[in-house]
Amino acid sequence: MAQSKITMNDLKILVVDDNFDALNLVRRMLTDLGINQVLTANDGFEAMSLLGEDPDNDLVNIVLCDWNMPRMTGIELLRQIRTVDPSMPFVMITGSADIQSIKEAKSHGVSGYIKKPFSVAELKKKLSAMTRIVAHRQSD
């Protein structure tokens, strides 16, 4: 089956971060890239609640998540999401991309990383790579 073409405007992104300023900065960056379908969650529990309300996965097609959060870390959220949706594009946003952390996240199926601080151009590059995964998922 032919893959459908996905553009930035088609993306539906969930941004998860406990830091209000960081959450709003990422949302503004996404808007600058032409992405207007942006949901936000303040932690992993709120993210899972949002995703749990959407059994057909129409609400979100990419998760951008901070690694360090109280109550539920990014890696814990990744693990939870993988139990219900093994192929959901999940990009970890982290201030420390040490080898051990990268190995741990890869072992749980992370799709990619963005190291803080990052530019709009870096975010665009990462999301462009994720659009291929989204297109493949939609063609299945």
N, C-alpha and C. Protein backbone atom coordinates (compact mmCIF):
# COMPACT_ATOMS: atom_id res chain seq x y z
N MET A 1 0.84 -1.18 0.00
CA MET A 1 0.00 0.00 0.00
C MET A 1 0.89 1.24 0.00
N ALA A 2 0.55 2.24 -0.78
CA ALA A 2 1.34 3.46 -0.87
C ALA A 2 1.22 4.27 0.41
N GLN A 3 2.36 4.84 0.83
CA GLN A 3 2.35 5.66 2.02
C GLN A 3 1.75 7.02 1.71
N SER A 4 0.89 7.48 2.62
CA SER A 4 0.31 8.81 2.43
C SER A 4 1.34 9.85 2.83
N LYS A 5 1.25 11.01 2.20
CA LYS A 5 2.19 12.09 2.50
C LYS A 5 1.69 12.86 3.71
N ILE A 6 2.50 12.95 4.73
CA ILE A 6 2.17 13.67 5.96
C ILE A 6 3.00 14.95 5.99
N THR A 7 2.35 16.07 6.26
CA THR A 7 3.05 17.35 6.40
C THR A 7 3.03 17.76 7.87
N MET A 8 3.81 18.78 8.19
CA MET A 8 3.85 19.30 9.56
C MET A 8 2.44 19.72 10.00
N ASN A 9 1.67 20.29 9.08
CA ASN A 9 0.32 20.75 9.42
C ASN A 9 -0.60 19.61 9.82
N ASP A 10 -0.29 18.39 9.37
CA ASP A 10 -1.12 17.23 9.67
C ASP A 10 -0.84 16.64 11.06
N LEU A 11 0.29 16.99 11.64
CA LEU A 11 0.70 16.36 12.89
C LEU A 11 -0.19 16.76 14.06
N LYS A 12 -0.42 15.77 14.92
CA LYS A 12 -1.16 15.97 16.17
C LYS A 12 -0.21 15.55 17.29
N ILE A 13 0.25 16.52 18.04
CA ILE A 13 1.33 16.28 18.98
C ILE A 13 0.89 16.49 20.42
N LEU A 14 1.32 15.58 21.28
CA LEU A 14 1.14 15.72 22.72
C LEU A 14 2.48 16.09 23.31
N VAL A 15 2.54 17.24 23.99
CA VAL A 15 3.76 17.69 24.66
C VAL A 15 3.55 17.47 26.15
N VAL A 16 4.50 16.75 26.78
CA VAL A 16 4.40 16.42 28.19
C VAL A 16 5.60 17.02 28.92
N ASP A 17 5.34 17.94 29.84
CA ASP A 17 6.42 18.57 30.60
C ASP A 17 5.82 19.20 31.85
N ASP A 18 6.47 19.01 32.98
CA ASP A 18 5.99 19.57 34.23
C ASP A 18 6.36 21.05 34.39
N ASN A 19 7.25 21.54 33.54
CA ASN A 19 7.68 22.94 33.60
C ASN A 19 6.81 23.77 32.67
N PHE A 20 6.01 24.66 33.25
CA PHE A 20 5.05 25.46 32.49
C PHE A 20 5.73 26.26 31.38
N ASP A 21 6.87 26.89 31.69
CA ASP A 21 7.57 27.71 30.69
C ASP A 21 8.09 26.85 29.55
N ALA A 22 8.65 25.70 29.86
CA ALA A 22 9.17 24.80 28.83
C ALA A 22 8.03 24.28 27.95
N LEU A 23 6.91 23.95 28.57
CA LEU A 23 5.74 23.47 27.84
C LEU A 23 5.26 24.53 26.85
N ASN A 24 5.16 25.76 27.30
CA ASN A 24 4.71 26.84 26.43
C ASN A 24 5.72 27.17 25.34
N LEU A 25 7.00 27.07 25.64
CA LEU A 25 8.04 27.31 24.64
C LEU A 25 7.93 26.28 23.51
N VAL A 26 7.80 25.01 23.87
CA VAL A 26 7.68 23.96 22.86
C VAL A 26 6.39 24.16 22.05
N ARG A 27 5.31 24.50 22.72
CA ARG A 27 4.05 24.74 22.00
C ARG A 27 4.21 25.89 20.99
N ARG A 28 4.90 26.96 21.40
CA ARG A 28 5.14 28.10 20.51
C ARG A 28 6.02 27.69 19.33
N MET A 29 7.04 26.88 19.59
CA MET A 29 7.90 26.39 18.51
C MET A 29 7.10 25.56 17.51
N LEU A 30 6.21 24.71 18.01
CA LEU A 30 5.38 23.88 17.15
C LEU A 30 4.46 24.75 16.29
N THR A 31 3.89 25.77 16.90
CA THR A 31 3.02 26.69 16.16
C THR A 31 3.81 27.40 15.07
N ASP A 32 5.05 27.80 15.40
CA ASP A 32 5.91 28.44 14.40
C ASP A 32 6.19 27.51 13.22
N LEU A 33 6.15 26.21 13.46
CA LEU A 33 6.36 25.22 12.40
C LEU A 33 5.07 24.89 11.65
N GLY A 34 3.97 25.53 12.03
CA GLY A 34 2.70 25.29 11.35
C GLY A 34 1.89 24.16 11.95
N ILE A 35 2.27 23.71 13.13
CA ILE A 35 1.55 22.63 13.79
C ILE A 35 0.57 23.25 14.79
N ASN A 36 -0.70 23.09 14.52
CA ASN A 36 -1.72 23.72 15.36
C ASN A 36 -2.50 22.73 16.21
N GLN A 37 -2.30 21.44 15.97
CA GLN A 37 -2.99 20.42 16.75
C GLN A 37 -2.04 19.94 17.85
N VAL A 38 -1.99 20.73 18.94
CA VAL A 38 -1.06 20.46 20.03
C VAL A 38 -1.85 20.32 21.33
N LEU A 39 -1.68 19.19 21.96
CA LEU A 39 -2.23 18.96 23.30
C LEU A 39 -1.08 19.01 24.28
N THR A 40 -1.36 19.37 25.52
CA THR A 40 -0.32 19.40 26.53
C THR A 40 -0.76 18.64 27.77
N ALA A 41 0.23 18.11 28.46
CA ALA A 41 0.00 17.44 29.73
C ALA A 41 1.14 17.83 30.67
N ASN A 42 0.81 17.99 31.93
CA ASN A 42 1.80 18.43 32.92
C ASN A 42 2.61 17.29 33.51
N ASP A 43 2.20 16.07 33.26
CA ASP A 43 2.96 14.91 33.72
C ASP A 43 2.47 13.66 33.01
N GLY A 44 3.12 12.55 33.30
CA GLY A 44 2.80 11.30 32.63
C GLY A 44 1.39 10.80 32.92
N PHE A 45 0.92 11.04 34.15
CA PHE A 45 -0.44 10.59 34.48
C PHE A 45 -1.48 11.33 33.65
N GLU A 46 -1.29 12.64 33.51
CA GLU A 46 -2.22 13.43 32.69
C GLU A 46 -2.14 12.98 31.22
N ALA A 47 -0.93 12.69 30.76
CA ALA A 47 -0.75 12.22 29.38
C ALA A 47 -1.47 10.90 29.17
N MET A 48 -1.31 9.96 30.08
CA MET A 48 -1.98 8.66 29.94
C MET A 48 -3.48 8.80 30.01
N SER A 49 -3.95 9.74 30.81
CA SER A 49 -5.39 10.00 30.89
C SER A 49 -5.91 10.48 29.53
N LEU A 50 -5.19 11.41 28.91
CA LEU A 50 -5.58 11.90 27.59
C LEU A 50 -5.56 10.78 26.56
N LEU A 51 -4.49 10.01 26.54
CA LEU A 51 -4.35 8.94 25.56
C LEU A 51 -5.36 7.82 25.80
N GLY A 52 -5.69 7.58 27.06
CA GLY A 52 -6.66 6.54 27.39
C GLY A 52 -8.06 6.85 26.92
N GLU A 53 -8.34 8.15 26.73
CA GLU A 53 -9.66 8.57 26.23
C GLU A 53 -9.76 8.39 24.72
N ASP A 54 -8.68 7.96 24.09
CA ASP A 54 -8.62 7.89 22.63
C ASP A 54 -8.18 6.50 22.18
N PRO A 55 -9.06 5.50 22.28
CA PRO A 55 -8.65 4.12 21.96
C PRO A 55 -8.22 3.92 20.51
N ASP A 56 -8.67 4.78 19.59
CA ASP A 56 -8.30 4.63 18.19
C ASP A 56 -7.06 5.45 17.81
N ASN A 57 -6.45 6.12 18.78
CA ASN A 57 -5.24 6.92 18.55
C ASN A 57 -5.42 8.01 17.49
N ASP A 58 -6.60 8.62 17.44
CA ASP A 58 -6.83 9.71 16.51
C ASP A 58 -6.45 11.06 17.09
N LEU A 59 -6.35 11.13 18.40
CA LEU A 59 -6.09 12.38 19.09
C LEU A 59 -4.66 12.86 18.93
N VAL A 60 -3.72 11.91 18.94
CA VAL A 60 -2.29 12.22 18.94
C VAL A 60 -1.56 11.26 18.03
N ASN A 61 -0.55 11.77 17.28
CA ASN A 61 0.27 10.81 16.53
C ASN A 61 1.75 10.93 16.83
N ILE A 62 2.14 11.88 17.70
CA ILE A 62 3.53 11.96 18.19
C ILE A 62 3.50 12.47 19.63
N VAL A 63 4.33 11.88 20.48
CA VAL A 63 4.49 12.36 21.85
C VAL A 63 5.89 12.97 21.98
N LEU A 64 5.94 14.20 22.48
CA LEU A 64 7.19 14.86 22.86
C LEU A 64 7.17 14.95 24.37
N CYS A 65 8.14 14.34 25.03
CA CYS A 65 8.06 14.21 26.48
C CYS A 65 9.38 14.55 27.17
N ASP A 66 9.28 15.36 28.21
CA ASP A 66 10.43 15.64 29.07
C ASP A 66 10.79 14.35 29.82
N TRP A 67 12.07 14.17 30.07
CA TRP A 67 12.53 12.97 30.78
C TRP A 67 12.24 13.08 32.27
N ASN A 68 12.67 14.17 32.89
CA ASN A 68 12.57 14.32 34.35
C ASN A 68 11.31 15.06 34.75
N MET A 69 10.38 14.30 35.33
CA MET A 69 9.14 14.87 35.83
C MET A 69 8.79 14.15 37.13
N PRO A 70 8.11 14.86 38.04
CA PRO A 70 7.66 14.18 39.26
C PRO A 70 6.48 13.26 38.96
N ARG A 71 6.16 12.42 39.88
CA ARG A 71 5.04 11.47 39.79
C ARG A 71 5.27 10.37 38.76
N MET A 72 5.54 10.72 37.50
CA MET A 72 5.81 9.73 36.46
C MET A 72 6.84 10.32 35.51
N THR A 73 8.01 9.71 35.44
CA THR A 73 9.08 10.20 34.56
C THR A 73 8.73 9.92 33.10
N GLY A 74 9.49 10.54 32.21
CA GLY A 74 9.31 10.30 30.79
C GLY A 74 9.52 8.85 30.42
N ILE A 75 10.51 8.21 31.04
CA ILE A 75 10.78 6.80 30.73
C ILE A 75 9.62 5.91 31.22
N GLU A 76 9.02 6.26 32.36
CA GLU A 76 7.86 5.50 32.84
C GLU A 76 6.67 5.68 31.91
N LEU A 77 6.48 6.92 31.40
CA LEU A 77 5.40 7.16 30.44
C LEU A 77 5.65 6.37 29.16
N LEU A 78 6.89 6.37 28.70
CA LEU A 78 7.24 5.60 27.51
C LEU A 78 6.88 4.13 27.69
N ARG A 79 7.26 3.55 28.84
CA ARG A 79 6.94 2.15 29.12
C ARG A 79 5.43 1.90 29.07
N GLN A 80 4.66 2.80 29.68
CA GLN A 80 3.20 2.66 29.70
C GLN A 80 2.62 2.72 28.30
N ILE A 81 3.06 3.70 27.52
CA ILE A 81 2.56 3.85 26.16
C ILE A 81 2.89 2.62 25.33
N ARG A 82 4.10 2.09 25.49
CA ARG A 82 4.51 0.92 24.71
C ARG A 82 3.64 -0.31 25.00
N THR A 83 3.03 -0.38 26.18
CA THR A 83 2.16 -1.53 26.47
C THR A 83 0.85 -1.47 25.69
N VAL A 84 0.42 -0.25 25.32
CA VAL A 84 -0.84 -0.10 24.58
C VAL A 84 -0.63 0.26 23.12
N ASP A 85 0.51 0.86 22.80
CA ASP A 85 0.79 1.28 21.42
C ASP A 85 2.29 1.17 21.15
N PRO A 86 2.75 0.01 20.70
CA PRO A 86 4.18 -0.23 20.51
C PRO A 86 4.86 0.65 19.46
N SER A 87 4.09 1.25 18.56
CA SER A 87 4.74 2.01 17.48
C SER A 87 4.48 3.52 17.52
N MET A 88 3.84 4.02 18.57
CA MET A 88 3.59 5.46 18.68
C MET A 88 4.93 6.21 18.69
N PRO A 89 5.14 7.16 17.77
CA PRO A 89 6.39 7.94 17.80
C PRO A 89 6.50 8.70 19.12
N PHE A 90 7.60 8.46 19.82
CA PHE A 90 7.82 9.03 21.15
C PHE A 90 9.21 9.65 21.17
N VAL A 91 9.27 10.96 21.32
CA VAL A 91 10.54 11.68 21.33
C VAL A 91 10.79 12.19 22.75
N MET A 92 11.93 11.80 23.30
CA MET A 92 12.31 12.20 24.63
C MET A 92 13.06 13.52 24.55
N ILE A 93 12.66 14.46 25.40
CA ILE A 93 13.35 15.75 25.52
C ILE A 93 14.13 15.68 26.83
N THR A 94 15.44 15.87 26.73
CA THR A 94 16.26 15.71 27.92
C THR A 94 17.43 16.69 27.97
N GLY A 95 17.79 17.05 29.17
CA GLY A 95 18.95 17.90 29.37
C GLY A 95 20.23 17.09 29.42
N SER A 96 20.10 15.80 29.66
CA SER A 96 21.29 14.95 29.73
C SER A 96 21.08 13.71 28.88
N ALA A 97 21.84 13.63 27.83
CA ALA A 97 21.72 12.47 26.93
C ALA A 97 22.95 11.58 27.11
N ASP A 98 23.18 11.13 28.35
CA ASP A 98 24.31 10.25 28.60
C ASP A 98 24.02 8.86 28.03
N ILE A 99 25.07 8.12 27.79
CA ILE A 99 24.97 6.81 27.14
C ILE A 99 24.04 5.86 27.89
N GLN A 100 24.11 5.81 29.20
CA GLN A 100 23.27 4.90 29.98
C GLN A 100 21.79 5.25 29.81
N SER A 101 21.46 6.55 29.85
CA SER A 101 20.07 6.98 29.67
C SER A 101 19.57 6.63 28.28
N ILE A 102 20.41 6.86 27.27
CA ILE A 102 20.04 6.54 25.89
C ILE A 102 19.78 5.05 25.75
N LYS A 103 20.64 4.22 26.32
CA LYS A 103 20.45 2.77 26.26
C LYS A 103 19.14 2.36 26.93
N GLU A 104 18.86 2.97 28.09
CA GLU A 104 17.63 2.63 28.80
C GLU A 104 16.40 2.99 27.96
N ALA A 105 16.39 4.19 27.41
CA ALA A 105 15.25 4.62 26.60
C ALA A 105 15.11 3.77 25.34
N LYS A 106 16.22 3.45 24.71
CA LYS A 106 16.17 2.60 23.51
C LYS A 106 15.61 1.23 23.84
N SER A 107 15.95 0.72 25.01
CA SER A 107 15.45 -0.60 25.40
C SER A 107 13.94 -0.60 25.57
N HIS A 108 13.36 0.57 25.77
CA HIS A 108 11.91 0.69 25.91
C HIS A 108 11.24 1.23 24.65
N GLY A 109 12.01 1.38 23.58
CA GLY A 109 11.43 1.73 22.29
C GLY A 109 11.27 3.21 21.99
N VAL A 110 12.13 4.05 22.56
CA VAL A 110 12.05 5.48 22.24
C VAL A 110 12.31 5.67 20.74
N SER A 111 11.62 6.63 20.14
CA SER A 111 11.78 6.88 18.70
C SER A 111 12.88 7.88 18.40
N GLY A 112 13.17 8.76 19.36
CA GLY A 112 14.20 9.76 19.14
C GLY A 112 14.41 10.63 20.37
N TYR A 113 15.42 11.48 20.27
CA TYR A 113 15.80 12.39 21.35
C TYR A 113 15.93 13.80 20.84
N ILE A 114 15.69 14.74 21.72
CA ILE A 114 16.07 16.13 21.50
C ILE A 114 16.73 16.58 22.79
N LYS A 115 17.97 17.05 22.66
CA LYS A 115 18.71 17.50 23.84
C LYS A 115 18.46 18.98 24.06
N LYS A 116 18.11 19.32 25.32
CA LYS A 116 17.91 20.72 25.71
C LYS A 116 19.25 21.42 25.82
N PRO A 117 19.34 22.69 25.51
CA PRO A 117 18.33 23.47 24.79
C PRO A 117 18.38 23.13 23.31
N PHE A 118 17.26 23.31 22.62
CA PHE A 118 17.21 23.01 21.19
C PHE A 118 16.53 24.15 20.44
N SER A 119 16.81 24.20 19.15
CA SER A 119 16.27 25.26 18.29
C SER A 119 15.03 24.77 17.55
N VAL A 120 14.31 25.69 16.94
CA VAL A 120 13.17 25.33 16.10
C VAL A 120 13.64 24.45 14.94
N ALA A 121 14.83 24.76 14.40
CA ALA A 121 15.37 23.96 13.30
C ALA A 121 15.62 22.52 13.73
N GLU A 122 16.16 22.33 14.93
CA GLU A 122 16.40 20.97 15.44
C GLU A 122 15.09 20.23 15.66
N LEU A 123 14.09 20.94 16.19
CA LEU A 123 12.78 20.33 16.41
C LEU A 123 12.16 19.94 15.07
N LYS A 124 12.27 20.82 14.09
CA LYS A 124 11.72 20.54 12.76
C LYS A 124 12.37 19.30 12.15
N LYS A 125 13.68 19.20 12.28
CA LYS A 125 14.41 18.04 11.74
C LYS A 125 13.93 16.74 12.40
N LYS A 126 13.78 16.78 13.71
CA LYS A 126 13.33 15.58 14.44
C LYS A 126 11.90 15.21 14.05
N LEU A 127 11.03 16.22 13.94
CA LEU A 127 9.64 15.95 13.57
C LEU A 127 9.52 15.46 12.13
N SER A 128 10.38 15.96 11.26
CA SER A 128 10.37 15.48 9.87
C SER A 128 10.66 13.99 9.83
N ALA A 129 11.60 13.54 10.64
CA ALA A 129 11.90 12.11 10.72
C ALA A 129 10.69 11.34 11.28
N MET A 130 10.00 11.92 12.25
CA MET A 130 8.84 11.25 12.85
C MET A 130 7.66 11.17 11.88
N THR A 131 7.56 12.11 10.94
CA THR A 131 6.44 12.08 9.98
C THR A 131 6.47 10.80 9.15
N ARG A 132 7.65 10.26 8.90
CA ARG A 132 7.74 9.01 8.15
C ARG A 132 7.11 7.86 8.94
N ILE A 133 7.32 7.86 10.25
CA ILE A 133 6.71 6.83 11.10
C ILE A 133 5.19 7.01 11.11
N VAL A 134 4.74 8.25 11.25
CA VAL A 134 3.31 8.54 11.26
C VAL A 134 2.68 8.10 9.94
N ALA A 135 3.31 8.42 8.82
CA ALA A 135 2.78 8.04 7.51
C ALA A 135 2.68 6.53 7.39
N HIS A 136 3.71 5.82 7.85
CA HIS A 136 3.71 4.36 7.80
C HIS A 136 2.58 3.78 8.65
N ARG A 137 2.39 4.34 9.84
CA ARG A 137 1.32 3.88 10.73
C ARG A 137 -0.05 4.09 10.10
N GLN A 138 -0.22 5.21 9.41
CA GLN A 138 -1.52 5.53 8.82
C GLN A 138 -1.80 4.70 7.57
N SER A 139 -0.74 4.20 6.94
CA SER A 139 -0.94 3.39 5.73
C SER A 139 -1.24 1.94 6.05
N ASP A 140 -0.98 1.53 7.30
CA ASP A 140 -1.24 0.13 7.69
C ASP A 140 -2.70 -0.13 7.92
